[in-house]
């Protein structure tokens, strides 16, 4: 009886947690099922930042997360401005899961699809606001004070 109660509590907690968007401070790992951030420095002034969110993380929230993470990374490296030299955001159906059984010629079952939003950007930091970057240049301090991780 006690194990049934523990199983029920675990199931309820799992359902509650799965109803939330992927939190901003999540690092991509096995334990987060591949969701969260991964940051790789690709040059002295450039980084590739990727974020994968769960079904409840939409494109707009993903974009805010990546913008804020880019500003944090550039500030930590001592840059006042940054630009995206490459950017790609997708919302894809993934993870089909199905259960079925066959009885004569009839197949009974069900399946589910999840949607996940992913974004990959290449960020380059600058010390001065330059127009030579070929793209929009963002002010690190402005982004940090005006972009929120709230959905």
Protein backbone atom coordinates (compact mmCIF):
# COMPACT_ATOMS: atom_id res chain seq x y z
CA UNK A 1 0.00 0.00 0.00
CA UNK A 2 2.82 2.37 0.88
CA UNK A 3 4.62 1.71 -2.41
CA UNK A 4 1.41 2.48 -4.33
CA UNK A 5 1.14 5.82 -2.52
CA UNK A 6 4.80 6.61 -3.26
CA UNK A 7 4.26 5.73 -6.91
CA UNK A 8 1.19 8.00 -7.04
CA UNK A 9 3.06 10.92 -5.49
CA UNK A 10 5.96 10.44 -7.93
CA UNK A 11 3.57 10.32 -10.87
CA UNK A 12 1.77 13.51 -9.79
CA UNK A 13 5.08 15.34 -9.33
CA UNK A 14 6.27 14.21 -12.76
CA UNK A 15 3.06 15.47 -14.36
CA UNK A 16 3.31 18.83 -12.61
CA UNK A 17 6.94 19.30 -13.64
CA UNK A 18 6.27 18.29 -17.24
CA UNK A 19 3.64 21.03 -17.53
CA UNK A 20 6.26 23.78 -17.18
CA UNK A 21 8.46 25.33 -19.84
CA UNK A 22 12.15 24.41 -19.67
CA UNK A 23 13.70 26.75 -17.04
CA UNK A 24 16.27 29.32 -18.14
CA UNK A 25 19.11 28.03 -15.95
CA UNK A 26 18.97 24.45 -17.30
CA UNK A 27 22.24 22.98 -18.62
CA UNK A 28 21.86 20.39 -21.36
CA UNK A 29 22.61 16.92 -19.97
CA UNK A 30 21.42 13.34 -19.79
CA UNK A 31 19.44 14.19 -16.65
CA UNK A 32 17.53 16.99 -18.40
CA UNK A 33 16.67 14.69 -21.33
CA UNK A 34 18.78 16.84 -23.68
CA UNK A 35 16.90 20.04 -22.81
CA UNK A 36 18.62 23.29 -21.82
CA UNK A 37 21.69 25.29 -22.84
CA UNK A 38 25.04 24.32 -24.29
CA UNK A 39 27.69 27.01 -24.88
CA UNK A 40 30.90 26.43 -26.84
CA UNK A 41 33.57 29.06 -27.49
CA UNK A 42 34.48 28.89 -31.20
CA UNK A 43 36.88 31.88 -31.42
CA UNK A 44 38.40 34.36 -28.95
CA UNK A 45 35.38 36.65 -29.41
CA UNK A 46 32.71 34.17 -30.57
CA UNK A 47 30.50 31.45 -29.11
CA UNK A 48 27.96 28.96 -30.34
CA UNK A 49 25.00 28.89 -28.00
CA UNK A 50 22.28 26.28 -28.37
CA UNK A 51 19.08 25.84 -26.42
CA UNK A 52 16.50 23.05 -26.59
CA UNK A 53 13.17 23.51 -24.84
CA UNK A 54 10.33 21.13 -24.07
CA UNK A 55 6.80 21.12 -25.50
CA UNK A 56 5.80 24.12 -23.35
CA UNK A 57 8.72 26.31 -24.46
CA UNK A 58 7.61 28.32 -27.49
CA UNK A 59 9.72 30.18 -30.08
CA UNK A 60 9.37 33.57 -28.40
CA UNK A 61 10.55 32.29 -25.01
CA UNK A 62 13.40 30.39 -26.66
CA UNK A 63 14.48 33.58 -28.46
CA UNK A 64 14.46 35.55 -25.19
CA UNK A 65 16.49 32.84 -23.47
CA UNK A 66 19.13 32.82 -26.22
CA UNK A 67 19.28 36.64 -26.32
CA UNK A 68 19.79 36.83 -22.57
CA UNK A 69 22.38 34.03 -22.51
CA UNK A 70 24.30 35.76 -25.32
CA UNK A 71 24.40 39.01 -23.34
CA UNK A 72 25.57 37.17 -20.20
CA UNK A 73 28.35 35.34 -22.07
CA UNK A 74 29.58 38.52 -23.77
CA UNK A 75 29.50 40.53 -20.53
CA UNK A 76 31.45 37.81 -18.73
CA UNK A 77 34.07 37.98 -21.51
CA UNK A 78 34.29 41.79 -21.21
CA UNK A 79 32.35 42.81 -24.33
CA UNK A 80 29.81 45.65 -24.37
CA UNK A 81 28.03 44.70 -27.61
CA UNK A 82 27.25 41.57 -29.58
CA UNK A 83 25.72 40.38 -32.83
CA UNK A 84 24.36 37.11 -34.11
CA UNK A 85 26.47 36.00 -37.06
CA UNK A 86 24.23 33.00 -37.58
CA UNK A 87 20.85 32.11 -36.09
CA UNK A 88 18.39 29.26 -36.49
CA UNK A 89 15.24 28.49 -34.47
CA UNK A 90 13.02 25.46 -35.09
CA UNK A 91 9.89 23.94 -33.59
CA UNK A 92 9.76 20.27 -34.48
CA UNK A 93 7.61 17.26 -33.69
CA UNK A 94 9.73 14.59 -32.05
CA UNK A 95 9.56 11.49 -29.94
CA UNK A 96 6.72 9.39 -31.25
CA UNK A 97 5.74 6.85 -28.64
CA UNK A 98 3.16 4.22 -29.31
CA UNK A 99 1.57 1.15 -27.80
CA UNK A 100 -0.47 -1.26 -29.82
CA UNK A 101 -1.87 -4.74 -29.91
CA UNK A 102 -3.11 -6.86 -32.75
CA UNK A 103 -6.28 -8.88 -32.69
CA UNK A 104 -6.87 -10.65 -36.02
CA UNK A 105 -6.73 -7.90 -38.64
CA UNK A 106 -7.35 -4.96 -36.30
CA UNK A 107 -4.53 -2.98 -34.71
CA UNK A 108 -5.41 -1.08 -31.55
CA UNK A 109 -3.14 1.47 -29.93
CA UNK A 110 -2.21 5.04 -29.30
CA UNK A 111 0.78 7.27 -29.86
CA UNK A 112 1.96 10.72 -28.80
CA UNK A 113 4.08 13.42 -30.36
CA UNK A 114 6.03 16.04 -28.48
CA UNK A 115 7.11 19.37 -29.88
CA UNK A 116 10.45 20.83 -28.95
CA UNK A 117 11.82 24.25 -29.78
CA UNK A 118 15.52 24.54 -30.48
CA UNK A 119 17.71 27.51 -31.25
CA UNK A 120 21.35 27.67 -32.30
CA UNK A 121 23.16 31.00 -32.60
CA UNK A 122 26.70 32.09 -33.25
CA UNK A 123 27.45 35.19 -31.18
CA UNK A 124 30.33 37.62 -31.68
CA UNK A 125 31.23 40.18 -29.00
CA UNK A 126 32.47 43.76 -29.63
CA UNK A 127 33.87 46.49 -27.42
CA UNK A 128 32.36 49.31 -29.48
CA UNK A 129 29.10 49.68 -31.37
CA UNK A 130 30.20 48.86 -34.90
CA UNK A 131 28.23 48.95 -38.13
CA UNK A 132 30.71 46.64 -39.88
CA UNK A 133 29.19 43.48 -38.39
CA UNK A 134 26.67 43.07 -41.22
CA UNK A 135 23.80 42.55 -38.77
CA UNK A 136 22.03 44.11 -35.83
CA UNK A 137 24.29 44.99 -32.90
CA UNK A 138 22.87 44.57 -29.39
CA UNK A 139 23.93 46.45 -26.25
CA UNK A 140 24.79 43.91 -23.52
CA UNK A 141 23.66 46.10 -20.61
CA UNK A 142 20.38 47.02 -22.32
CA UNK A 143 19.55 43.34 -22.95
CA UNK A 144 20.45 42.36 -19.39
CA UNK A 145 18.23 45.05 -17.90
CA UNK A 146 15.25 44.77 -20.29
CA UNK A 147 14.90 41.11 -21.30
CA UNK A 148 13.19 38.83 -18.79
CA UNK A 149 13.11 35.04 -18.57
CA UNK A 150 9.41 35.14 -17.76
CA UNK A 151 7.15 33.57 -20.37
